[in-house]
Amino acid sequence: MRIEYDSEGDTLEIFFASGSGTGIELTDEIVLRYDKNNASPRSLIFTSFSHLIQDTEYGPESFRLTGIESLPLQQRDEILRILRMPSVSHFLQLSAVKLPHTPHPIPFTSVRHLPLAA
């Protein structure tokens, strides 16, 4: 694993494996790159990183995974499985909200506190 931070652009990328990958924008500020052939993560990209790690008065801010909402169910499930892999879940915490008017839980994520963010 390799971590690169660009302080000028406030962008952090965490590389899990080398090689190209398909990118999916999970939120406006979080992108997952993954290998479609074996459904494994390549990297996570965080833009506006310092914003993503700011706590609220209630704890870490959560971000709705809007980028997967319109995906076919099979691809959505594959992305959620990748996000639960230990390499990725070390950096992202998944959660969900079940609202009375929605048939399914709505997935959210928050960025775990990283030592380099201190």
PDB file of N, CA and C in Angstrom:
ATOM      1  N   MET A   1       0.842  -1.176   0.000  1.00  0.00           N
ATOM      2  CA  MET A   1       0.000   0.000   0.000  1.00  0.00           C
ATOM      3  C   MET A   1       0.891   1.243   0.000  1.00  0.00           C
ATOM      4  N   ARG A   2       0.423   2.257  -0.716  1.00  0.00           N
ATOM      5  CA  ARG A   2       1.153   3.521  -0.808  1.00  0.00           C
ATOM      6  C   ARG A   2       0.148   4.653  -0.649  1.00  0.00           C
ATOM      7  N   ILE A   3       0.545   5.705   0.081  1.00  0.00           N
ATOM      8  CA  ILE A   3      -0.319   6.862   0.302  1.00  0.00           C
ATOM      9  C   ILE A   3       0.385   8.100  -0.228  1.00  0.00           C
ATOM     10  N   GLU A   4      -0.317   8.873  -1.051  1.00  0.00           N
ATOM     11  CA  GLU A   4       0.217  10.120  -1.588  1.00  0.00           C
ATOM     12  C   GLU A   4      -0.745  11.256  -1.259  1.00  0.00           C
ATOM     13  N   TYR A   5      -0.191  12.342  -0.712  1.00  0.00           N
ATOM     14  CA  TYR A   5      -0.999  13.512  -0.381  1.00  0.00           C
ATOM     15  C   TYR A   5      -0.451  14.723  -1.114  1.00  0.00           C
ATOM     16  N   ASP A   6      -1.328  15.435  -1.812  1.00  0.00           N
ATOM     17  CA  ASP A   6      -0.987  16.678  -2.494  1.00  0.00           C
ATOM     18  C   ASP A   6      -1.577  17.814  -1.662  1.00  0.00           C
ATOM     19  N   SER A   7      -0.722  18.496  -0.893  1.00  0.00           N
ATOM     20  CA  SER A   7      -1.203  19.548   0.011  1.00  0.00           C
ATOM     21  C   SER A   7      -1.775  20.737  -0.758  1.00  0.00           C
ATOM     22  N   GLU A   8      -1.240  21.022  -1.918  1.00  0.00           N
ATOM     23  CA  GLU A   8      -1.743  22.155  -2.709  1.00  0.00           C
ATOM     24  C   GLU A   8      -3.177  21.907  -3.161  1.00  0.00           C
ATOM     25  N   GLY A   9      -3.459  20.694  -3.614  1.00  0.00           N
ATOM     26  CA  GLY A   9      -4.809  20.351  -4.061  1.00  0.00           C
ATOM     27  C   GLY A   9      -5.663  19.725  -2.974  1.00  0.00           C
ATOM     28  N   ASP A  10      -5.072  19.496  -1.789  1.00  0.00           N
ATOM     29  CA  ASP A  10      -5.750  18.839  -0.674  1.00  0.00           C
ATOM     30  C   ASP A  10      -6.381  17.521  -1.123  1.00  0.00           C
ATOM     31  N   THR A  11      -5.574  16.738  -1.857  1.00  0.00           N
ATOM     32  CA  THR A  11      -6.021  15.455  -2.389  1.00  0.00           C
ATOM     33  C   THR A  11      -5.153  14.342  -1.828  1.00  0.00           C
ATOM     34  N   LEU A  12      -5.807  13.295  -1.349  1.00  0.00           N
ATOM     35  CA  LEU A  12      -5.117  12.126  -0.817  1.00  0.00           C
ATOM     36  C   LEU A  12      -5.508  10.929  -1.664  1.00  0.00           C
ATOM     37  N   GLU A  13      -4.515  10.143  -2.078  1.00  0.00           N
ATOM     38  CA  GLU A  13      -4.809   8.895  -2.783  1.00  0.00           C
ATOM     39  C   GLU A  13      -4.103   7.765  -2.063  1.00  0.00           C
ATOM     40  N   ILE A  14      -4.860   6.725  -1.802  1.00  0.00           N
ATOM     41  CA  ILE A  14      -4.344   5.528  -1.157  1.00  0.00           C
ATOM     42  C   ILE A  14      -4.359   4.424  -2.200  1.00  0.00           C
ATOM     43  N   PHE A  15      -3.169   3.910  -2.526  1.00  0.00           N
ATOM     44  CA  PHE A  15      -3.022   2.862  -3.533  1.00  0.00           C
ATOM     45  C   PHE A  15      -2.969   1.505  -2.847  1.00  0.00           C
ATOM     46  N   PHE A  16      -3.840   0.599  -3.260  1.00  0.00           N
ATOM     47  CA  PHE A  16      -3.847  -0.759  -2.737  1.00  0.00           C
ATOM     48  C   PHE A  16      -3.113  -1.717  -3.669  1.00  0.00           C
ATOM     49  N   ALA A  17      -3.139  -1.420  -4.953  1.00  0.00           N
ATOM     50  CA  ALA A  17      -2.495  -2.264  -5.963  1.00  0.00           C
ATOM     51  C   ALA A  17      -2.158  -1.396  -7.165  1.00  0.00           C
ATOM     52  N   SER A  18      -1.170  -1.816  -7.911  1.00  0.00           N
ATOM     53  CA  SER A  18      -0.795  -1.069  -9.115  1.00  0.00           C
ATOM     54  C   SER A  18      -1.690  -1.495 -10.273  1.00  0.00           C
ATOM     55  N   GLY A  19      -1.645  -0.726 -11.328  1.00  0.00           N
ATOM     56  CA  GLY A  19      -2.418  -1.046 -12.515  1.00  0.00           C
ATOM     57  C   GLY A  19      -3.606  -0.120 -12.673  1.00  0.00           C
ATOM     58  N   SER A  20      -4.187  -0.205 -13.849  1.00  0.00           N
ATOM     59  CA  SER A  20      -5.340   0.649 -14.136  1.00  0.00           C
ATOM     60  C   SER A  20      -6.585   0.072 -13.478  1.00  0.00           C
ATOM     61  N   GLY A  21      -7.589   0.892 -13.387  1.00  0.00           N
ATOM     62  CA  GLY A  21      -8.835   0.451 -12.786  1.00  0.00           C
ATOM     63  C   GLY A  21      -9.977   1.335 -13.236  1.00  0.00           C
ATOM     64  N   THR A  22     -11.161   0.867 -13.003  1.00  0.00           N
ATOM     65  CA  THR A  22     -12.366   1.619 -13.301  1.00  0.00           C
ATOM     66  C   THR A  22     -12.661   2.524 -12.113  1.00  0.00           C
ATOM     67  N   GLY A  23     -12.937   3.777 -12.374  1.00  0.00           N
ATOM     68  CA  GLY A  23     -13.239   4.718 -11.302  1.00  0.00           C
ATOM     69  C   GLY A  23     -14.732   4.895 -11.136  1.00  0.00           C
ATOM     70  N   ILE A  24     -15.148   4.949  -9.892  1.00  0.00           N
ATOM     71  CA  ILE A  24     -16.541   5.246  -9.598  1.00  0.00           C
ATOM     72  C   ILE A  24     -16.572   6.304  -8.505  1.00  0.00           C
ATOM     73  N   GLU A  25     -17.290   7.379  -8.782  1.00  0.00           N
ATOM     74  CA  GLU A  25     -17.417   8.475  -7.828  1.00  0.00           C
ATOM     75  C   GLU A  25     -18.453   8.067  -6.789  1.00  0.00           C
ATOM     76  N   LEU A  26     -17.989   7.747  -5.589  1.00  0.00           N
ATOM     77  CA  LEU A  26     -18.887   7.337  -4.518  1.00  0.00           C
ATOM     78  C   LEU A  26     -19.659   8.530  -3.979  1.00  0.00           C
ATOM     79  N   THR A  27     -18.954   9.646  -3.803  1.00  0.00           N
ATOM     80  CA  THR A  27     -19.530  10.921  -3.388  1.00  0.00           C
ATOM     81  C   THR A  27     -18.862  11.979  -4.256  1.00  0.00           C
ATOM     82  N   ASP A  28     -19.190  13.236  -4.054  1.00  0.00           N
ATOM     83  CA  ASP A  28     -18.531  14.304  -4.812  1.00  0.00           C
ATOM     84  C   ASP A  28     -17.034  14.365  -4.515  1.00  0.00           C
ATOM     85  N   GLU A  29     -16.614  13.827  -3.372  1.00  0.00           N
ATOM     86  CA  GLU A  29     -15.222  13.967  -2.945  1.00  0.00           C
ATOM     87  C   GLU A  29     -14.493  12.650  -2.707  1.00  0.00           C
ATOM     88  N   ILE A  30     -15.127  11.515  -2.993  1.00  0.00           N
ATOM     89  CA  ILE A  30     -14.502  10.210  -2.775  1.00  0.00           C
ATOM     90  C   ILE A  30     -14.685   9.350  -4.020  1.00  0.00           C
ATOM     91  N   VAL A  31     -13.561   8.875  -4.561  1.00  0.00           N
ATOM     92  CA  VAL A  31     -13.576   8.029  -5.749  1.00  0.00           C
ATOM     93  C   VAL A  31     -12.904   6.700  -5.418  1.00  0.00           C
ATOM     94  N   LEU A  32     -13.535   5.625  -5.833  1.00  0.00           N
ATOM     95  CA  LEU A  32     -12.949   4.291  -5.730  1.00  0.00           C
ATOM     96  C   LEU A  32     -12.502   3.867  -7.113  1.00  0.00           C
ATOM     97  N   ARG A  33     -11.243   3.464  -7.224  1.00  0.00           N
ATOM     98  CA  ARG A  33     -10.757   2.830  -8.462  1.00  0.00           C
ATOM     99  C   ARG A  33     -10.638   1.347  -8.152  1.00  0.00           C
ATOM    100  N   TYR A  34     -11.185   0.505  -9.045  1.00  0.00           N
ATOM    101  CA  TYR A  34     -11.152  -0.932  -8.791  1.00  0.00           C
ATOM    102  C   TYR A  34     -10.972  -1.710 -10.086  1.00  0.00           C
ATOM    103  N   ASP A  35     -10.514  -2.946  -9.940  1.00  0.00           N
ATOM    104  CA  ASP A  35     -10.329  -3.850 -11.067  1.00  0.00           C
ATOM    105  C   ASP A  35     -11.642  -4.596 -11.274  1.00  0.00           C
ATOM    106  N   LYS A  36     -12.275  -4.364 -12.405  1.00  0.00           N
ATOM    107  CA  LYS A  36     -13.562  -5.002 -12.689  1.00  0.00           C
ATOM    108  C   LYS A  36     -13.428  -6.514 -12.863  1.00  0.00           C
ATOM    109  N   ASN A  37     -12.265  -6.961 -13.339  1.00  0.00           N
ATOM    110  CA  ASN A  37     -12.083  -8.388 -13.609  1.00  0.00           C
ATOM    111  C   ASN A  37     -12.122  -9.244 -12.353  1.00  0.00           C
ATOM    112  N   ASN A  38     -11.492  -8.763 -11.290  1.00  0.00           N
ATOM    113  CA  ASN A  38     -11.483  -9.560 -10.059  1.00  0.00           C
ATOM    114  C   ASN A  38     -12.105  -8.817  -8.875  1.00  0.00           C
ATOM    115  N   ALA A  39     -12.785  -7.721  -9.145  1.00  0.00           N
ATOM    116  CA  ALA A  39     -13.494  -6.944  -8.115  1.00  0.00           C
ATOM    117  C   ALA A  39     -12.606  -6.642  -6.915  1.00  0.00           C
ATOM    118  N   SER A  40     -11.422  -6.122  -7.187  1.00  0.00           N
ATOM    119  CA  SER A  40     -10.507  -5.763  -6.105  1.00  0.00           C
ATOM    120  C   SER A  40     -10.180  -4.274  -6.191  1.00  0.00           C
ATOM    121  N   PRO A  41      -9.945  -3.647  -5.042  1.00  0.00           N
ATOM    122  CA  PRO A  41      -9.668  -2.211  -5.040  1.00  0.00           C
ATOM    123  C   PRO A  41      -8.277  -1.892  -5.574  1.00  0.00           C
ATOM    124  N   ARG A  42      -8.175  -0.807  -6.332  1.00  0.00           N
ATOM    125  CA  ARG A  42      -6.879  -0.285  -6.797  1.00  0.00           C
ATOM    126  C   ARG A  42      -6.469   0.915  -5.956  1.00  0.00           C
ATOM    127  N   SER A  43      -7.420   1.854  -5.742  1.00  0.00           N
ATOM    128  CA  SER A  43      -7.099   3.017  -4.919  1.00  0.00           C
ATOM    129  C   SER A  43      -8.369   3.720  -4.469  1.00  0.00           C
ATOM    130  N   LEU A  44      -8.207   4.537  -3.453  1.00  0.00           N
ATOM    131  CA  LEU A  44      -9.229   5.474  -2.999  1.00  0.00           C
ATOM    132  C   LEU A  44      -8.661   6.871  -3.196  1.00  0.00           C
ATOM    133  N   ILE A  45      -9.457   7.767  -3.736  1.00  0.00           N
ATOM    134  CA  ILE A  45      -9.042   9.156  -3.944  1.00  0.00           C
ATOM    135  C   ILE A  45      -9.985  10.049  -3.151  1.00  0.00           C
ATOM    136  N   PHE A  46      -9.407  10.900  -2.316  1.00  0.00           N
ATOM    137  CA  PHE A  46     -10.170  11.847  -1.507  1.00  0.00           C
ATOM    138  C   PHE A  46      -9.798  13.252  -1.957  1.00  0.00           C
ATOM    139  N   THR A  47     -10.759  13.996  -2.502  1.00  0.00           N
ATOM    140  CA  THR A  47     -10.524  15.404  -2.812  1.00  0.00           C
ATOM    141  C   THR A  47     -11.092  16.220  -1.650  1.00  0.00           C
ATOM    142  N   SER A  48     -10.587  17.408  -1.451  1.00  0.00           N
ATOM    143  CA  SER A  48     -10.971  18.216  -0.285  1.00  0.00           C
ATOM    144  C   SER A  48     -10.813  17.385   0.983  1.00  0.00           C
ATOM    145  N   PHE A  49      -9.666  16.705   1.088  1.00  0.00           N
ATOM    146  CA  PHE A  49      -9.431  15.755   2.167  1.00  0.00           C
ATOM    147  C   PHE A  49      -9.611  16.361   3.545  1.00  0.00           C
ATOM    148  N   SER A  50      -9.103  17.570   3.757  1.00  0.00           N
ATOM    149  CA  SER A  50      -9.206  18.174   5.087  1.00  0.00           C
ATOM    150  C   SER A  50     -10.671  18.384   5.488  1.00  0.00           C
ATOM    151  N   HIS A  51     -11.536  18.631   4.521  1.00  0.00           N
ATOM    152  CA  HIS A  51     -12.978  18.751   4.810  1.00  0.00           C
ATOM    153  C   HIS A  51     -13.566  17.404   5.228  1.00  0.00           C
ATOM    154  N   LEU A  52     -13.144  16.341   4.571  1.00  0.00           N
ATOM    155  CA  LEU A  52     -13.706  15.011   4.819  1.00  0.00           C
ATOM    156  C   LEU A  52     -13.406  14.485   6.220  1.00  0.00           C
ATOM    157  N   ILE A  53     -12.339  14.959   6.824  1.00  0.00           N
ATOM    158  CA  ILE A  53     -11.943  14.428   8.129  1.00  0.00           C
ATOM    159  C   ILE A  53     -12.350  15.334   9.288  1.00  0.00           C
ATOM    160  N   GLN A  54     -13.096  16.381   9.001  1.00  0.00           N
ATOM    161  CA  GLN A  54     -13.563  17.278  10.061  1.00  0.00           C
ATOM    162  C   GLN A  54     -14.705  16.618  10.830  1.00  0.00           C
ATOM    163  N   ASP A  55     -14.599  16.607  12.141  1.00  0.00           N
ATOM    164  CA  ASP A  55     -15.676  16.091  12.968  1.00  0.00           C
ATOM    165  C   ASP A  55     -16.786  17.124  13.082  1.00  0.00           C
ATOM    166  N   THR A  56     -17.975  16.627  13.292  1.00  0.00           N
ATOM    167  CA  THR A  56     -19.099  17.485  13.639  1.00  0.00           C
ATOM    168  C   THR A  56     -19.243  17.424  15.156  1.00  0.00           C
ATOM    169  N   GLU A  57     -20.189  18.140  15.686  1.00  0.00           N
ATOM    170  CA  GLU A  57     -20.391  18.085  17.140  1.00  0.00           C
ATOM    171  C   GLU A  57     -20.896  16.711  17.577  1.00  0.00           C
ATOM    172  N   TYR A  58     -21.334  15.876  16.625  1.00  0.00           N
ATOM    173  CA  TYR A  58     -21.846  14.539  16.930  1.00  0.00           C
ATOM    174  C   TYR A  58     -20.862  13.428  16.577  1.00  0.00           C
ATOM    175  N   GLY A  59     -19.734  13.778  16.004  1.00  0.00           N
ATOM    176  CA  GLY A  59     -18.746  12.782  15.581  1.00  0.00           C
ATOM    177  C   GLY A  59     -18.403  12.969  14.118  1.00  0.00           C
ATOM    178  N   PRO A  60     -17.825  11.951  13.485  1.00  0.00           N
ATOM    179  CA  PRO A  60     -17.418  12.078  12.076  1.00  0.00           C
ATOM    180  C   PRO A  60     -18.612  12.369  11.167  1.00  0.00           C
ATOM    181  N   GLU A  61     -18.387  13.225  10.180  1.00  0.00           N
ATOM    182  CA  GLU A  61     -19.444  13.515   9.212  1.00  0.00           C
ATOM    183  C   GLU A  61     -19.625  12.320   8.290  1.00  0.00           C
ATOM    184  N   SER A  62     -20.860  12.023   7.947  1.00  0.00           N
ATOM    185  CA  SER A  62     -21.167  10.947   7.013  1.00  0.00           C
ATOM    186  C   SER A  62     -21.564  11.544   5.672  1.00  0.00           C
ATOM    187  N   PHE A  63     -21.248  10.800   4.619  1.00  0.00           N
ATOM    188  CA  PHE A  63     -21.516  11.255   3.256  1.00  0.00           C
ATOM    189  C   PHE A  63     -22.321  10.178   2.534  1.00  0.00           C
ATOM    190  N   ARG A  64     -23.415  10.581   1.923  1.00  0.00           N
ATOM    191  CA  ARG A  64     -24.272   9.646   1.202  1.00  0.00           C
ATOM    192  C   ARG A  64     -23.544   9.126  -0.027  1.00  0.00           C
ATOM    193  N   LEU A  65     -23.623   7.833  -0.259  1.00  0.00           N
ATOM    194  CA  LEU A  65     -22.969   7.212  -1.415  1.00  0.00           C
ATOM    195  C   LEU A  65     -23.853   7.385  -2.655  1.00  0.00           C
ATOM    196  N   THR A  66     -23.984   8.616  -3.093  1.00  0.00           N
ATOM    197  CA  THR A  66     -24.860   8.945  -4.223  1.00  0.00           C
ATOM    198  C   THR A  66     -24.388   8.323  -5.530  1.00  0.00           C
ATOM    199  N   GLY A  67     -23.095   8.069  -5.648  1.00  0.00           N
ATOM    200  CA  GLY A  67     -22.546   7.539  -6.893  1.00  0.00           C
ATOM    201  C   GLY A  67     -22.938   6.115  -7.209  1.00  0.00           C
ATOM    202  N   ILE A  68     -23.458   5.386  -6.242  1.00  0.00           N
ATOM    203  CA  ILE A  68     -23.845   3.995  -6.514  1.00  0.00           C
ATOM    204  C   ILE A  68     -25.353   3.822  -6.604  1.00  0.00           C
ATOM    205  N   GLU A  69     -26.106   4.871  -6.323  1.00  0.00           N
ATOM    206  CA  GLU A  69     -27.562   4.742  -6.270  1.00  0.00           C
ATOM    207  C   GLU A  69     -28.198   4.360  -7.599  1.00  0.00           C
ATOM    208  N   SER A  70     -27.637   4.814  -8.707  1.00  0.00           N
ATOM    209  CA  SER A  70     -28.243   4.522 -10.008  1.00  0.00           C
ATOM    210  C   SER A  70     -27.624   3.305 -10.696  1.00  0.00           C
ATOM    211  N   LEU A  71     -26.687   2.643 -10.026  1.00  0.00           N
ATOM    212  CA  LEU A  71     -26.048   1.464 -10.618  1.00  0.00           C
ATOM    213  C   LEU A  71     -26.998   0.268 -10.607  1.00  0.00           C
ATOM    214  N   PRO A  72     -26.816  -0.645 -11.556  1.00  0.00           N
ATOM    215  CA  PRO A  72     -27.581  -1.896 -11.476  1.00  0.00           C
ATOM    216  C   PRO A  72     -27.273  -2.593 -10.146  1.00  0.00           C
ATOM    217  N   LEU A  73     -28.252  -3.308  -9.623  1.00  0.00           N
ATOM    218  CA  LEU A  73     -28.144  -3.914  -8.301  1.00  0.00           C
ATOM    219  C   LEU A  73     -26.890  -4.785  -8.150  1.00  0.00           C
ATOM    220  N   GLN A  74     -26.562  -5.559  -9.158  1.00  0.00           N
ATOM    221  CA  GLN A  74     -25.384  -6.439  -9.077  1.00  0.00           C
ATOM    222  C   GLN A  74     -24.091  -5.622  -8.944  1.00  0.00           C
ATOM    223  N   GLN A  75     -23.957  -4.563  -9.727  1.00  0.00           N
ATOM    224  CA  GLN A  75     -22.759  -3.727  -9.649  1.00  0.00           C
ATOM    225  C   GLN A  75     -22.719  -2.968  -8.323  1.00  0.00           C
ATOM    226  N   ARG A  76     -23.861  -2.507  -7.873  1.00  0.00           N
ATOM    227  CA  ARG A  76     -23.946  -1.816  -6.578  1.00  0.00           C
ATOM    228  C   ARG A  76     -23.489  -2.746  -5.449  1.00  0.00           C
ATOM    229  N   ASP A  77     -23.970  -3.974  -5.460  1.00  0.00           N
ATOM    230  CA  ASP A  77     -23.567  -4.950  -4.447  1.00  0.00           C
ATOM    231  C   ASP A  77     -22.078  -5.241  -4.512  1.00  0.00           C
ATOM    232  N   GLU A  78     -21.536  -5.292  -5.721  1.00  0.00           N
ATOM    233  CA  GLU A  78     -20.094  -5.536  -5.892  1.00  0.00           C
ATOM    234  C   GLU A  78     -19.278  -4.387  -5.290  1.00  0.00           C
ATOM    235  N   ILE A  79     -19.688  -3.155  -5.547  1.00  0.00           N
ATOM    236  CA  ILE A  79     -18.994  -1.992  -4.988  1.00  0.00           C
ATOM    237  C   ILE A  79     -19.083  -2.006  -3.461  1.00  0.00           C
ATOM    238  N   LEU A  80     -20.247  -2.288  -2.919  1.00  0.00           N
ATOM    239  CA  LEU A  80     -20.391  -2.342  -1.461  1.00  0.00           C
ATOM    240  C   LEU A  80     -19.534  -3.453  -0.860  1.00  0.00           C
ATOM    241  N   ARG A  81     -19.407  -4.577  -1.568  1.00  0.00           N
ATOM    242  CA  ARG A  81     -18.535  -5.661  -1.096  1.00  0.00           C
ATOM    243  C   ARG A  81     -17.081  -5.203  -1.072  1.00  0.00           C
ATOM    244  N   ILE A  82     -16.646  -4.483  -2.104  1.00  0.00           N
ATOM    245  CA  ILE A  82     -15.278  -3.954  -2.156  1.00  0.00           C
ATOM    246  C   ILE A  82     -15.058  -2.979  -1.004  1.00  0.00           C
ATOM    247  N   LEU A  83     -16.046  -2.137  -0.727  1.00  0.00           N
ATOM    248  CA  LEU A  83     -15.912  -1.156   0.348  1.00  0.00           C
ATOM    249  C   LEU A  83     -15.829  -1.807   1.729  1.00  0.00           C
ATOM    250  N   ARG A  84     -16.322  -3.037   1.843  1.00  0.00           N
ATOM    251  CA  ARG A  84     -16.236  -3.762   3.114  1.00  0.00           C
ATOM    252  C   ARG A  84     -14.954  -4.580   3.247  1.00  0.00           C
ATOM    253  N   MET A  85     -14.146  -4.643   2.185  1.00  0.00           N
ATOM    254  CA  MET A  85     -12.873  -5.373   2.268  1.00  0.00           C
ATOM    255  C   MET A  85     -11.972  -4.680   3.286  1.00  0.00           C
ATOM    256  N   PRO A  86     -11.190  -5.458   4.057  1.00  0.00           N
ATOM    257  CA  PRO A  86     -10.348  -4.862   5.109  1.00  0.00           C
ATOM    258  C   PRO A  86      -9.438  -3.732   4.620  1.00  0.00           C
ATOM    259  N   SER A  87      -8.873  -3.864   3.438  1.00  0.00           N
ATOM    260  CA  SER A  87      -7.978  -2.808   2.951  1.00  0.00           C
ATOM    261  C   SER A  87      -8.713  -1.477   2.816  1.00  0.00           C
ATOM    262  N   VAL A  88      -9.932  -1.505   2.315  1.00  0.00           N
ATOM    263  CA  VAL A  88     -10.711  -0.282   2.114  1.00  0.00           C
ATOM    264  C   VAL A  88     -11.404   0.149   3.407  1.00  0.00           C
ATOM    265  N   SER A  89     -11.951  -0.813   4.140  1.00  0.00           N
ATOM    266  CA  SER A  89     -12.697  -0.463   5.352  1.00  0.00           C
ATOM    267  C   SER A  89     -11.780   0.076   6.453  1.00  0.00           C
ATOM    268  N   HIS A  90     -10.483  -0.076   6.284  1.00  0.00           N
ATOM    269  CA  HIS A  90      -9.534   0.543   7.205  1.00  0.00           C
ATOM    270  C   HIS A  90      -9.608   2.076   7.096  1.00  0.00           C
ATOM    271  N   PHE A  91     -10.044   2.570   5.930  1.00  0.00           N
ATOM    272  CA  PHE A  91     -10.093   4.006   5.664  1.00  0.00           C
ATOM    273  C   PHE A  91     -11.512   4.565   5.591  1.00  0.00           C
ATOM    274  N   LEU A  92     -12.473   3.728   5.222  1.00  0.00           N
ATOM    275  CA  LEU A  92     -13.866   4.162   5.115  1.00  0.00           C
ATOM    276  C   LEU A  92     -14.746   3.332   6.036  1.00  0.00           C
ATOM    277  N   GLN A  93     -15.636   3.998   6.730  1.00  0.00           N
ATOM    278  CA  GLN A  93     -16.614   3.335   7.596  1.00  0.00           C
ATOM    279  C   GLN A  93     -17.961   3.406   6.899  1.00  0.00           C
ATOM    280  N   LEU A  94     -18.593   2.274   6.649  1.00  0.00           N
ATOM    281  CA  LEU A  94     -19.914   2.265   6.038  1.00  0.00           C
ATOM    282  C   LEU A  94     -20.992   2.279   7.109  1.00  0.00           C
ATOM    283  N   SER A  95     -22.095   2.897   6.780  1.00  0.00           N
ATOM    284  CA  SER A  95     -23.278   2.888   7.632  1.00  0.00           C
ATOM    285  C   SER A  95     -24.488   3.075   6.718  1.00  0.00           C
ATOM    286  N   ALA A  96     -25.667   3.031   7.291  1.00  0.00           N
ATOM    287  CA  ALA A  96     -26.882   3.202   6.489  1.00  0.00           C
ATOM    288  C   ALA A  96     -27.962   3.822   7.350  1.00  0.00           C
ATOM    289  N   VAL A  97     -28.916   4.436   6.660  1.00  0.00           N
ATOM    290  CA  VAL A  97     -30.088   5.007   7.319  1.00  0.00           C
ATOM    291  C   VAL A  97     -31.307   4.395   6.648  1.00  0.00           C
ATOM    292  N   LYS A  98     -32.220   3.910   7.450  1.00  0.00           N
ATOM    293  CA  LYS A  98     -33.478   3.385   6.924  1.00  0.00           C
ATOM    294  C   LYS A  98     -34.572   4.370   7.301  1.00  0.00           C
ATOM    295  N   LEU A  99     -35.085   5.058   6.298  1.00  0.00           N
ATOM    296  CA  LEU A  99     -36.146   6.038   6.511  1.00  0.00           C
ATOM    297  C   LEU A  99     -37.509   5.384   6.271  1.00  0.00           C
ATOM    298  N   PRO A 100     -38.549   5.865   6.922  1.00  0.00           N
ATOM    299  CA  PRO A 100     -39.871   5.237   6.779  1.00  0.00           C
ATOM    300  C   PRO A 100     -40.382   5.171   5.338  1.00  0.00           C
ATOM    301  N   HIS A 101     -40.080   6.160   4.527  1.00  0.00           N
ATOM    302  CA  HIS A 101     -40.620   6.206   3.165  1.00  0.00           C
ATOM    303  C   HIS A 101     -39.715   5.551   2.116  1.00  0.00           C
ATOM    304  N   THR A 102     -38.628   4.935   2.533  1.00  0.00           N
ATOM    305  CA  THR A 102     -37.714   4.301   1.572  1.00  0.00           C
ATOM    306  C   THR A 102     -37.767   2.785   1.726  1.00  0.00           C
ATOM    307  N   PRO A 103     -37.770   2.068   0.593  1.00  0.00           N
ATOM    308  CA  PRO A 103     -37.853   0.608   0.668  1.00  0.00           C
ATOM    309  C   PRO A 103     -36.562  -0.058   1.151  1.00  0.00           C
ATOM    310  N   HIS A 104     -35.432   0.612   0.958  1.00  0.00           N
ATOM    311  CA  HIS A 104     -34.139   0.028   1.309  1.00  0.00           C
ATOM    312  C   HIS A 104     -33.313   1.033   2.116  1.00  0.00           C
ATOM    313  N   PRO A 105     -32.383   0.532   2.917  1.00  0.00           N
ATOM    314  CA  PRO A 105     -31.481   1.446   3.639  1.00  0.00           C
ATOM    315  C   PRO A 105     -30.667   2.280   2.645  1.00  0.00           C
ATOM    316  N   ILE A 106     -30.334   3.489   3.039  1.00  0.00           N
ATOM    317  CA  ILE A 106     -29.531   4.396   2.216  1.00  0.00           C
ATOM    318  C   ILE A 106     -28.101   4.338   2.741  1.00  0.00           C
ATOM    319  N   PRO A 107     -27.137   3.924   1.883  1.00  0.00           N
ATOM    320  CA  PRO A 107     -25.762   3.777   2.361  1.00  0.00           C
ATOM    321  C   PRO A 107     -25.028   5.118   2.479  1.00  0.00           C
ATOM    322  N   PHE A 108     -24.236   5.220   3.534  1.00  0.00           N
ATOM    323  CA  PHE A 108     -23.397   6.371   3.819  1.00  0.00           C
ATOM    324  C   PHE A 108     -21.986   5.891   4.120  1.00  0.00           C
ATOM    325  N   THR A 109     -21.044   6.805   4.074  1.00  0.00           N
ATOM    326  CA  THR A 109     -19.682   6.499   4.491  1.00  0.00           C
ATOM    327  C   THR A 109     -19.120   7.691   5.261  1.00  0.00           C
ATOM    328  N   SER A 110     -18.142   7.392   6.071  1.00  0.00           N
ATOM    329  CA  SER A 110     -17.353   8.441   6.726  1.00  0.00           C
ATOM    330  C   SER A 110     -15.885   8.016   6.630  1.00  0.00           C
ATOM    331  N   VAL A 111     -15.017   9.004   6.674  1.00  0.00           N
ATOM    332  CA  VAL A 111     -13.580   8.736   6.572  1.00  0.00           C
ATOM    333  C   VAL A 111     -13.056   8.488   7.981  1.00  0.00           C
ATOM    334  N   ARG A 112     -12.411   7.367   8.130  1.00  0.00           N
ATOM    335  CA  ARG A 112     -11.825   7.044   9.440  1.00  0.00           C
ATOM    336  C   ARG A 112     -10.659   7.987   9.694  1.00  0.00           C
ATOM    337  N   HIS A 113     -10.394   8.281  10.947  1.00  0.00           N
ATOM    338  CA  HIS A 113      -9.265   9.160  11.276  1.00  0.00           C
ATOM    339  C   HIS A 113      -7.956   8.441  10.954  1.00  0.00           C
ATOM    340  N   LEU A 114      -7.170   9.075  10.145  1.00  0.00           N
ATOM    341  CA  LEU A 114      -5.891   8.502   9.735  1.00  0.00           C
ATOM    342  C   LEU A 114      -4.769   9.173  10.512  1.00  0.00           C
ATOM    343  N   PRO A 115      -3.724   8.428  10.857  1.00  0.00           N
ATOM    344  CA  PRO A 115      -2.614   9.033  11.592  1.00  0.00           C
ATOM    345  C   PRO A 115      -2.030  10.249  10.880  1.00  0.00           C
ATOM    346  N   LEU A 116      -1.985  10.224   9.549  1.00  0.00           N
ATOM    347  CA  LEU A 116      -1.381  11.338   8.819  1.00  0.00           C
ATOM    348  C   LEU A 116      -2.284  12.549   8.810  1.00  0.00           C
ATOM    349  N   ALA A 117      -3.533  12.395   9.235  1.00  0.00           N
ATOM    350  CA  ALA A 117      -4.453  13.517   9.252  1.00  0.00           C
ATOM    351  C   ALA A 117      -4.373  14.320  10.543  1.00  0.00           C
ATOM    352  N   ALA A 118      -3.622  13.847  11.493  1.00  0.00           N
ATOM    353  CA  ALA A 118      -3.562  14.518  12.791  1.00  0.00           C
ATOM    354  C   ALA A 118      -2.787  15.814  12.709  1.00  0.00           C
TER     355      ALA A 118
END
